[in-house]
Amino acid sequence: MANIKSAKKRIKVIENKTLVNKKRKSQIKTYIKKFENALDNNNIDEAKELFKVIEKKLDRAAIKNTMHKNKASRKVSQLASKLNSAK
């Protein structure tokens, strides 16, 4: 356990950032599941809308260092290829 005041504050800040990062990642995973369900049900219009949302959320996560920018762009690319092959 930290004894220095600034170290104690950093622990609190890290805990808050961890919660925010978990929330972002969880939202992305949820939207990806919805996207894949829409593709399975041949609902292309809904999948296109979800793809736009997912792309924004992945870009935001990369900007905020929640995930690496290459991972985010790789995910976008994979989802785009799934969407294009479903058309």
PDB file of N, CA and C in Angstrom:
ATOM      1  N   MET A   1       0.849  -1.188   0.000  1.00  0.00           N
ATOM      2  CA  MET A   1       0.000   0.000   0.000  1.00  0.00           C
ATOM      3  C   MET A   1       0.887   1.239   0.000  1.00  0.00           C
ATOM      4  N   ALA A   2       0.449   2.208  -0.750  1.00  0.00           N
ATOM      5  CA  ALA A   2       1.227   3.440  -0.880  1.00  0.00           C
ATOM      6  C   ALA A   2       1.128   4.280   0.386  1.00  0.00           C
ATOM      7  N   ASN A   3       2.236   4.927   0.739  1.00  0.00           N
ATOM      8  CA  ASN A   3       2.265   5.816   1.896  1.00  0.00           C
ATOM      9  C   ASN A   3       2.252   7.281   1.492  1.00  0.00           C
ATOM     10  N   ILE A   4       2.776   7.572   0.309  1.00  0.00           N
ATOM     11  CA  ILE A   4       2.872   8.957  -0.152  1.00  0.00           C
ATOM     12  C   ILE A   4       1.518   9.403  -0.702  1.00  0.00           C
ATOM     13  N   LYS A   5       1.172  10.647  -0.398  1.00  0.00           N
ATOM     14  CA  LYS A   5      -0.139  11.180  -0.775  1.00  0.00           C
ATOM     15  C   LYS A   5      -0.367  11.122  -2.280  1.00  0.00           C
ATOM     16  N   SER A   6       0.625  11.497  -3.063  1.00  0.00           N
ATOM     17  CA  SER A   6       0.466  11.502  -4.520  1.00  0.00           C
ATOM     18  C   SER A   6       0.299  10.079  -5.064  1.00  0.00           C
ATOM     19  N   ALA A   7       0.960   9.117  -4.431  1.00  0.00           N
ATOM     20  CA  ALA A   7       0.828   7.725  -4.857  1.00  0.00           C
ATOM     21  C   ALA A   7      -0.572   7.202  -4.560  1.00  0.00           C
ATOM     22  N   LYS A   8      -1.129   7.619  -3.421  1.00  0.00           N
ATOM     23  CA  LYS A   8      -2.502   7.231  -3.082  1.00  0.00           C
ATOM     24  C   LYS A   8      -3.485   7.797  -4.102  1.00  0.00           C
ATOM     25  N   LYS A   9      -3.241   9.049  -4.504  1.00  0.00           N
ATOM     26  CA  LYS A   9      -4.114   9.673  -5.497  1.00  0.00           C
ATOM     27  C   LYS A   9      -4.011   8.929  -6.828  1.00  0.00           C
ATOM     28  N   ARG A  10      -2.800   8.571  -7.217  1.00  0.00           N
ATOM     29  CA  ARG A  10      -2.613   7.859  -8.483  1.00  0.00           C
ATOM     30  C   ARG A  10      -3.350   6.525  -8.481  1.00  0.00           C
ATOM     31  N   ILE A  11      -3.378   5.859  -7.332  1.00  0.00           N
ATOM     32  CA  ILE A  11      -4.104   4.591  -7.230  1.00  0.00           C
ATOM     33  C   ILE A  11      -5.579   4.811  -7.535  1.00  0.00           C
ATOM     34  N   LYS A  12      -6.162   5.876  -6.978  1.00  0.00           N
ATOM     35  CA  LYS A  12      -7.569   6.187  -7.244  1.00  0.00           C
ATOM     36  C   LYS A  12      -7.795   6.513  -8.716  1.00  0.00           C
ATOM     37  N   VAL A  13      -6.884   7.297  -9.291  1.00  0.00           N
ATOM     38  CA  VAL A  13      -7.010   7.680 -10.703  1.00  0.00           C
ATOM     39  C   VAL A  13      -6.938   6.443 -11.594  1.00  0.00           C
ATOM     40  N   ILE A  14      -6.013   5.547 -11.287  1.00  0.00           N
ATOM     41  CA  ILE A  14      -5.857   4.323 -12.079  1.00  0.00           C
ATOM     42  C   ILE A  14      -7.112   3.462 -11.981  1.00  0.00           C
ATOM     43  N   GLU A  15      -7.696   3.365 -10.778  1.00  0.00           N
ATOM     44  CA  GLU A  15      -8.924   2.585 -10.617  1.00  0.00           C
ATOM     45  C   GLU A  15     -10.048   3.156 -11.470  1.00  0.00           C
ATOM     46  N   ASN A  16     -10.173   4.488 -11.484  1.00  0.00           N
ATOM     47  CA  ASN A  16     -11.214   5.117 -12.293  1.00  0.00           C
ATOM     48  C   ASN A  16     -10.977   4.883 -13.785  1.00  0.00           C
ATOM     49  N   LYS A  17      -9.736   5.020 -14.221  1.00  0.00           N
ATOM     50  CA  LYS A  17      -9.424   4.802 -15.637  1.00  0.00           C
ATOM     51  C   LYS A  17      -9.669   3.353 -16.030  1.00  0.00           C
ATOM     52  N   THR A  18      -9.368   2.425 -15.121  1.00  0.00           N
ATOM     53  CA  THR A  18      -9.604   1.013 -15.392  1.00  0.00           C
ATOM     54  C   THR A  18     -11.084   0.755 -15.617  1.00  0.00           C
ATOM     55  N   LEU A  19     -11.934   1.371 -14.792  1.00  0.00           N
ATOM     56  CA  LEU A  19     -13.376   1.205 -14.963  1.00  0.00           C
ATOM     57  C   LEU A  19     -13.850   1.762 -16.300  1.00  0.00           C
ATOM     58  N   VAL A  20     -13.338   2.918 -16.676  1.00  0.00           N
ATOM     59  CA  VAL A  20     -13.725   3.530 -17.953  1.00  0.00           C
ATOM     60  C   VAL A  20     -13.287   2.642 -19.112  1.00  0.00           C
ATOM     61  N   ASN A  21     -12.061   2.122 -19.034  1.00  0.00           N
ATOM     62  CA  ASN A  21     -11.555   1.260 -20.103  1.00  0.00           C
ATOM     63  C   ASN A  21     -12.373  -0.022 -20.214  1.00  0.00           C
ATOM     64  N   LYS A  22     -12.739  -0.611 -19.068  1.00  0.00           N
ATOM     65  CA  LYS A  22     -13.560  -1.821 -19.088  1.00  0.00           C
ATOM     66  C   LYS A  22     -14.916  -1.538 -19.716  1.00  0.00           C
ATOM     67  N   LYS A  23     -15.483  -0.373 -19.386  1.00  0.00           N
ATOM     68  CA  LYS A  23     -16.781   0.001 -19.950  1.00  0.00           C
ATOM     69  C   LYS A  23     -16.682   0.128 -21.464  1.00  0.00           C
ATOM     70  N   ARG A  24     -15.641   0.799 -21.946  1.00  0.00           N
ATOM     71  CA  ARG A  24     -15.460   0.980 -23.393  1.00  0.00           C
ATOM     72  C   ARG A  24     -15.313  -0.363 -24.099  1.00  0.00           C
ATOM     73  N   LYS A  25     -14.472  -1.229 -23.554  1.00  0.00           N
ATOM     74  CA  LYS A  25     -14.241  -2.532 -24.180  1.00  0.00           C
ATOM     75  C   LYS A  25     -15.509  -3.374 -24.178  1.00  0.00           C
ATOM     76  N   SER A  26     -16.255  -3.307 -23.091  1.00  0.00           N
ATOM     77  CA  SER A  26     -17.491  -4.067 -22.992  1.00  0.00           C
ATOM     78  C   SER A  26     -18.517  -3.582 -24.012  1.00  0.00           C
ATOM     79  N   GLN A  27     -18.626  -2.266 -24.181  1.00  0.00           N
ATOM     80  CA  GLN A  27     -19.548  -1.714 -25.174  1.00  0.00           C
ATOM     81  C   GLN A  27     -19.170  -2.183 -26.571  1.00  0.00           C
ATOM     82  N   ILE A  28     -17.893  -2.160 -26.873  1.00  0.00           N
ATOM     83  CA  ILE A  28     -17.434  -2.577 -28.200  1.00  0.00           C
ATOM     84  C   ILE A  28     -17.778  -4.044 -28.437  1.00  0.00           C
ATOM     85  N   LYS A  29     -17.512  -4.892 -27.450  1.00  0.00           N
ATOM     86  CA  LYS A  29     -17.818  -6.315 -27.595  1.00  0.00           C
ATOM     87  C   LYS A  29     -19.308  -6.538 -27.801  1.00  0.00           C
ATOM     88  N   THR A  30     -20.136  -5.788 -27.073  1.00  0.00           N
ATOM     89  CA  THR A  30     -21.585  -5.917 -27.201  1.00  0.00           C
ATOM     90  C   THR A  30     -22.041  -5.523 -28.598  1.00  0.00           C
ATOM     91  N   TYR A  31     -21.527  -4.408 -29.104  1.00  0.00           N
ATOM     92  CA  TYR A  31     -21.904  -3.969 -30.448  1.00  0.00           C
ATOM     93  C   TYR A  31     -21.429  -4.963 -31.508  1.00  0.00           C
ATOM     94  N   ILE A  32     -20.263  -5.557 -31.314  1.00  0.00           N
ATOM     95  CA  ILE A  32     -19.768  -6.542 -32.277  1.00  0.00           C
ATOM     96  C   ILE A  32     -20.679  -7.766 -32.292  1.00  0.00           C
ATOM     97  N   LYS A  33     -21.138  -8.202 -31.127  1.00  0.00           N
ATOM     98  CA  LYS A  33     -22.066  -9.337 -31.069  1.00  0.00           C
ATOM     99  C   LYS A  33     -23.372  -9.003 -31.780  1.00  0.00           C
ATOM    100  N   LYS A  34     -23.888  -7.778 -31.564  1.00  0.00           N
ATOM    101  CA  LYS A  34     -25.111  -7.360 -32.254  1.00  0.00           C
ATOM    102  C   LYS A  34     -24.891  -7.330 -33.764  1.00  0.00           C
ATOM    103  N   PHE A  35     -23.727  -6.842 -34.179  1.00  0.00           N
ATOM    104  CA  PHE A  35     -23.373  -6.770 -35.598  1.00  0.00           C
ATOM    105  C   PHE A  35     -23.369  -8.163 -36.217  1.00  0.00           C
ATOM    106  N   GLU A  36     -22.729  -9.113 -35.542  1.00  0.00           N
ATOM    107  CA  GLU A  36     -22.648 -10.472 -36.075  1.00  0.00           C
ATOM    108  C   GLU A  36     -24.013 -11.149 -36.094  1.00  0.00           C
ATOM    109  N   ASN A  37     -24.855 -10.864 -35.092  1.00  0.00           N
ATOM    110  CA  ASN A  37     -26.216 -11.398 -35.106  1.00  0.00           C
ATOM    111  C   ASN A  37     -27.010 -10.829 -36.270  1.00  0.00           C
ATOM    112  N   ALA A  38     -26.831  -9.548 -36.550  1.00  0.00           N
ATOM    113  CA  ALA A  38     -27.528  -8.922 -37.677  1.00  0.00           C
ATOM    114  C   ALA A  38     -27.084  -9.562 -38.992  1.00  0.00           C
ATOM    115  N   LEU A  39     -25.795  -9.854 -39.120  1.00  0.00           N
ATOM    116  CA  LEU A  39     -25.311 -10.511 -40.338  1.00  0.00           C
ATOM    117  C   LEU A  39     -25.861 -11.928 -40.456  1.00  0.00           C
ATOM    118  N   ASP A  40     -25.933 -12.645 -39.335  1.00  0.00           N
ATOM    119  CA  ASP A  40     -26.467 -14.006 -39.356  1.00  0.00           C
ATOM    120  C   ASP A  40     -27.932 -14.023 -39.776  1.00  0.00           C
ATOM    121  N   ASN A  41     -28.663 -12.969 -39.404  1.00  0.00           N
ATOM    122  CA  ASN A  41     -30.087 -12.876 -39.747  1.00  0.00           C
ATOM    123  C   ASN A  41     -30.324 -12.179 -41.084  1.00  0.00           C
ATOM    124  N   ASN A  42     -29.251 -11.936 -41.844  1.00  0.00           N
ATOM    125  CA  ASN A  42     -29.320 -11.264 -43.149  1.00  0.00           C
ATOM    126  C   ASN A  42     -29.960  -9.889 -43.066  1.00  0.00           C
ATOM    127  N   ASN A  43     -29.743  -9.201 -41.961  1.00  0.00           N
ATOM    128  CA  ASN A  43     -30.255  -7.841 -41.779  1.00  0.00           C
ATOM    129  C   ASN A  43     -29.106  -6.873 -42.085  1.00  0.00           C
ATOM    130  N   ILE A  44     -28.896  -6.629 -43.375  1.00  0.00           N
ATOM    131  CA  ILE A  44     -27.731  -5.863 -43.828  1.00  0.00           C
ATOM    132  C   ILE A  44     -27.817  -4.398 -43.411  1.00  0.00           C
ATOM    133  N   ASP A  45     -29.026  -3.823 -43.463  1.00  0.00           N
ATOM    134  CA  ASP A  45     -29.174  -2.405 -43.110  1.00  0.00           C
ATOM    135  C   ASP A  45     -28.797  -2.154 -41.652  1.00  0.00           C
ATOM    136  N   GLU A  46     -29.270  -3.028 -40.775  1.00  0.00           N
ATOM    137  CA  GLU A  46     -28.932  -2.891 -39.357  1.00  0.00           C
ATOM    138  C   GLU A  46     -27.430  -3.094 -39.144  1.00  0.00           C
ATOM    139  N   ALA A  47     -26.862  -4.036 -39.874  1.00  0.00           N
ATOM    140  CA  ALA A  47     -25.428  -4.306 -39.754  1.00  0.00           C
ATOM    141  C   ALA A  47     -24.610  -3.094 -40.191  1.00  0.00           C
ATOM    142  N   LYS A  48     -25.057  -2.395 -41.239  1.00  0.00           N
ATOM    143  CA  LYS A  48     -24.347  -1.195 -41.696  1.00  0.00           C
ATOM    144  C   LYS A  48     -24.359  -0.115 -40.627  1.00  0.00           C
ATOM    145  N   GLU A  49     -25.524   0.083 -40.000  1.00  0.00           N
ATOM    146  CA  GLU A  49     -25.631   1.089 -38.938  1.00  0.00           C
ATOM    147  C   GLU A  49     -24.744   0.722 -37.752  1.00  0.00           C
ATOM    148  N   LEU A  50     -24.771  -0.547 -37.373  1.00  0.00           N
ATOM    149  CA  LEU A  50     -23.934  -0.996 -36.258  1.00  0.00           C
ATOM    150  C   LEU A  50     -22.453  -0.866 -36.595  1.00  0.00           C
ATOM    151  N   PHE A  51     -22.103  -1.107 -37.844  1.00  0.00           N
ATOM    152  CA  PHE A  51     -20.701  -0.981 -38.261  1.00  0.00           C
ATOM    153  C   PHE A  51     -20.208   0.446 -38.074  1.00  0.00           C
ATOM    154  N   LYS A  52     -21.043   1.420 -38.416  1.00  0.00           N
ATOM    155  CA  LYS A  52     -20.662   2.825 -38.239  1.00  0.00           C
ATOM    156  C   LYS A  52     -20.393   3.128 -36.767  1.00  0.00           C
ATOM    157  N   VAL A  53     -21.277   2.625 -35.901  1.00  0.00           N
ATOM    158  CA  VAL A  53     -21.126   2.862 -34.459  1.00  0.00           C
ATOM    159  C   VAL A  53     -19.861   2.182 -33.942  1.00  0.00           C
ATOM    160  N   ILE A  54     -19.655   0.942 -34.364  1.00  0.00           N
ATOM    161  CA  ILE A  54     -18.481   0.191 -33.910  1.00  0.00           C
ATOM    162  C   ILE A  54     -17.197   0.882 -34.353  1.00  0.00           C
ATOM    163  N   GLU A  55     -17.187   1.356 -35.591  1.00  0.00           N
ATOM    164  CA  GLU A  55     -15.993   2.026 -36.109  1.00  0.00           C
ATOM    165  C   GLU A  55     -15.662   3.265 -35.286  1.00  0.00           C
ATOM    166  N   LYS A  56     -16.682   4.049 -34.934  1.00  0.00           N
ATOM    167  CA  LYS A  56     -16.463   5.240 -34.110  1.00  0.00           C
ATOM    168  C   LYS A  56     -15.932   4.860 -32.735  1.00  0.00           C
ATOM    169  N   LYS A  57     -16.535   3.833 -32.140  1.00  0.00           N
ATOM    170  CA  LYS A  57     -16.130   3.426 -30.795  1.00  0.00           C
ATOM    171  C   LYS A  57     -14.706   2.856 -30.794  1.00  0.00           C
ATOM    172  N   LEU A  58     -14.359   2.099 -31.817  1.00  0.00           N
ATOM    173  CA  LEU A  58     -13.001   1.558 -31.898  1.00  0.00           C
ATOM    174  C   LEU A  58     -11.976   2.672 -32.100  1.00  0.00           C
ATOM    175  N   ASP A  59     -12.299   3.635 -32.946  1.00  0.00           N
ATOM    176  CA  ASP A  59     -11.386   4.761 -33.149  1.00  0.00           C
ATOM    177  C   ASP A  59     -11.204   5.547 -31.858  1.00  0.00           C
ATOM    178  N   ARG A  60     -12.300   5.746 -31.145  1.00  0.00           N
ATOM    179  CA  ARG A  60     -12.240   6.480 -29.880  1.00  0.00           C
ATOM    180  C   ARG A  60     -11.385   5.718 -28.860  1.00  0.00           C
ATOM    181  N   ALA A  61     -11.561   4.397 -28.806  1.00  0.00           N
ATOM    182  CA  ALA A  61     -10.778   3.582 -27.880  1.00  0.00           C
ATOM    183  C   ALA A  61      -9.293   3.648 -28.223  1.00  0.00           C
ATOM    184  N   ALA A  62      -8.975   3.708 -29.510  1.00  0.00           N
ATOM    185  CA  ALA A  62      -7.572   3.801 -29.917  1.00  0.00           C
ATOM    186  C   ALA A  62      -6.995   5.165 -29.551  1.00  0.00           C
ATOM    187  N   ILE A  63      -7.783   6.214 -29.747  1.00  0.00           N
ATOM    188  CA  ILE A  63      -7.316   7.564 -29.410  1.00  0.00           C
ATOM    189  C   ILE A  63      -7.069   7.692 -27.909  1.00  0.00           C
ATOM    190  N   LYS A  64      -7.948   7.101 -27.115  1.00  0.00           N
ATOM    191  CA  LYS A  64      -7.850   7.199 -25.656  1.00  0.00           C
ATOM    192  C   LYS A  64      -6.930   6.143 -25.050  1.00  0.00           C
ATOM    193  N   ASN A  65      -6.220   5.401 -25.891  1.00  0.00           N
ATOM    194  CA  ASN A  65      -5.278   4.363 -25.452  1.00  0.00           C
ATOM    195  C   ASN A  65      -5.938   3.246 -24.655  1.00  0.00           C
ATOM    196  N   THR A  66      -7.209   3.000 -24.905  1.00  0.00           N
ATOM    197  CA  THR A  66      -7.861   1.848 -24.298  1.00  0.00           C
ATOM    198  C   THR A  66      -7.383   0.577 -24.984  1.00  0.00           C
ATOM    199  N   MET A  67      -7.187   0.668 -26.292  1.00  0.00           N
ATOM    200  CA  MET A  67      -6.602  -0.440 -27.038  1.00  0.00           C
ATOM    201  C   MET A  67      -5.622   0.133 -28.057  1.00  0.00           C
ATOM    202  N   HIS A  68      -4.741  -0.708 -28.530  1.00  0.00           N
ATOM    203  CA  HIS A  68      -3.722  -0.265 -29.483  1.00  0.00           C
ATOM    204  C   HIS A  68      -4.380   0.114 -30.803  1.00  0.00           C
ATOM    205  N   LYS A  69      -3.838   1.122 -31.462  1.00  0.00           N
ATOM    206  CA  LYS A  69      -4.444   1.621 -32.701  1.00  0.00           C
ATOM    207  C   LYS A  69      -4.441   0.564 -33.793  1.00  0.00           C
ATOM    208  N   ASN A  70      -3.414  -0.291 -33.825  1.00  0.00           N
ATOM    209  CA  ASN A  70      -3.374  -1.350 -34.835  1.00  0.00           C
ATOM    210  C   ASN A  70      -4.457  -2.392 -34.590  1.00  0.00           C
ATOM    211  N   LYS A  71      -4.719  -2.696 -33.335  1.00  0.00           N
ATOM    212  CA  LYS A  71      -5.771  -3.656 -33.014  1.00  0.00           C
ATOM    213  C   LYS A  71      -7.125  -3.099 -33.417  1.00  0.00           C
ATOM    214  N   ALA A  72      -7.337  -1.813 -33.149  1.00  0.00           N
ATOM    215  CA  ALA A  72      -8.609  -1.185 -33.500  1.00  0.00           C
ATOM    216  C   ALA A  72      -8.808  -1.191 -35.013  1.00  0.00           C
ATOM    217  N   SER A  73      -7.781  -0.836 -35.760  1.00  0.00           N
ATOM    218  CA  SER A  73      -7.924  -0.805 -37.212  1.00  0.00           C
ATOM    219  C   SER A  73      -8.060  -2.215 -37.781  1.00  0.00           C
ATOM    220  N   ARG A  74      -7.415  -3.193 -37.155  1.00  0.00           N
ATOM    221  CA  ARG A  74      -7.558  -4.584 -37.589  1.00  0.00           C
ATOM    222  C   ARG A  74      -8.988  -5.067 -37.390  1.00  0.00           C
ATOM    223  N   LYS A  75      -9.588  -4.706 -36.247  1.00  0.00           N
ATOM    224  CA  LYS A  75     -10.980  -5.076 -35.974  1.00  0.00           C
ATOM    225  C   LYS A  75     -11.918  -4.450 -37.001  1.00  0.00           C
ATOM    226  N   VAL A  76     -11.700  -3.163 -37.290  1.00  0.00           N
ATOM    227  CA  VAL A  76     -12.536  -2.469 -38.273  1.00  0.00           C
ATOM    228  C   VAL A  76     -12.417  -3.162 -39.623  1.00  0.00           C
ATOM    229  N   SER A  77     -11.209  -3.523 -39.998  1.00  0.00           N
ATOM    230  CA  SER A  77     -10.979  -4.188 -41.278  1.00  0.00           C
ATOM    231  C   SER A  77     -11.679  -5.544 -41.332  1.00  0.00           C
ATOM    232  N   GLN A  78     -11.589  -6.306 -40.260  1.00  0.00           N
ATOM    233  CA  GLN A  78     -12.234  -7.621 -40.215  1.00  0.00           C
ATOM    234  C   GLN A  78     -13.746  -7.491 -40.330  1.00  0.00           C
ATOM    235  N   LEU A  79     -14.308  -6.528 -39.606  1.00  0.00           N
ATOM    236  CA  LEU A  79     -15.756  -6.344 -39.643  1.00  0.00           C
ATOM    237  C   LEU A  79     -16.211  -5.835 -41.007  1.00  0.00           C
ATOM    238  N   ALA A  80     -15.410  -4.973 -41.624  1.00  0.00           N
ATOM    239  CA  ALA A  80     -15.751  -4.460 -42.955  1.00  0.00           C
ATOM    240  C   ALA A  80     -15.752  -5.588 -43.978  1.00  0.00           C
ATOM    241  N   SER A  81     -14.785  -6.487 -43.883  1.00  0.00           N
ATOM    242  CA  SER A  81     -14.747  -7.601 -44.831  1.00  0.00           C
ATOM    243  C   SER A  81     -15.927  -8.542 -44.610  1.00  0.00           C
ATOM    244  N   LYS A  82     -16.336  -8.741 -43.356  1.00  0.00           N
ATOM    245  CA  LYS A  82     -17.525  -9.554 -43.085  1.00  0.00           C
ATOM    246  C   LYS A  82     -18.766  -8.907 -43.683  1.00  0.00           C
ATOM    247  N   LEU A  83     -18.866  -7.589 -43.524  1.00  0.00           N
ATOM    248  CA  LEU A  83     -20.021  -6.867 -44.049  1.00  0.00           C
ATOM    249  C   LEU A  83     -20.048  -6.935 -45.575  1.00  0.00           C
ATOM    250  N   ASN A  84     -18.901  -6.750 -46.208  1.00  0.00           N
ATOM    251  CA  ASN A  84     -18.842  -6.776 -47.672  1.00  0.00           C
ATOM    252  C   ASN A  84     -19.116  -8.164 -48.234  1.00  0.00           C
ATOM    253  N   SER A  85     -18.684  -9.202 -47.536  1.00  0.00           N
ATOM    254  CA  SER A  85     -18.931 -10.559 -48.028  1.00  0.00           C
ATOM    255  C   SER A  85     -20.390 -10.966 -47.828  1.00  0.00           C
ATOM    256  N   ALA A  86     -21.084 -10.314 -46.901  1.00  0.00           N
ATOM    257  CA  ALA A  86     -22.490 -10.644 -46.642  1.00  0.00           C
ATOM    258  C   ALA A  86     -23.430 -10.015 -47.665  1.00  0.00           C
ATOM    259  N   LYS A  87     -22.962  -8.984 -48.354  1.00  0.00           N
ATOM    260  CA  LYS A  87     -23.829  -8.287 -49.317  1.00  0.00           C
ATOM    261  C   LYS A  87     -24.196  -9.158 -50.490  1.00  0.00           C
TER     262      LYS A  87
END
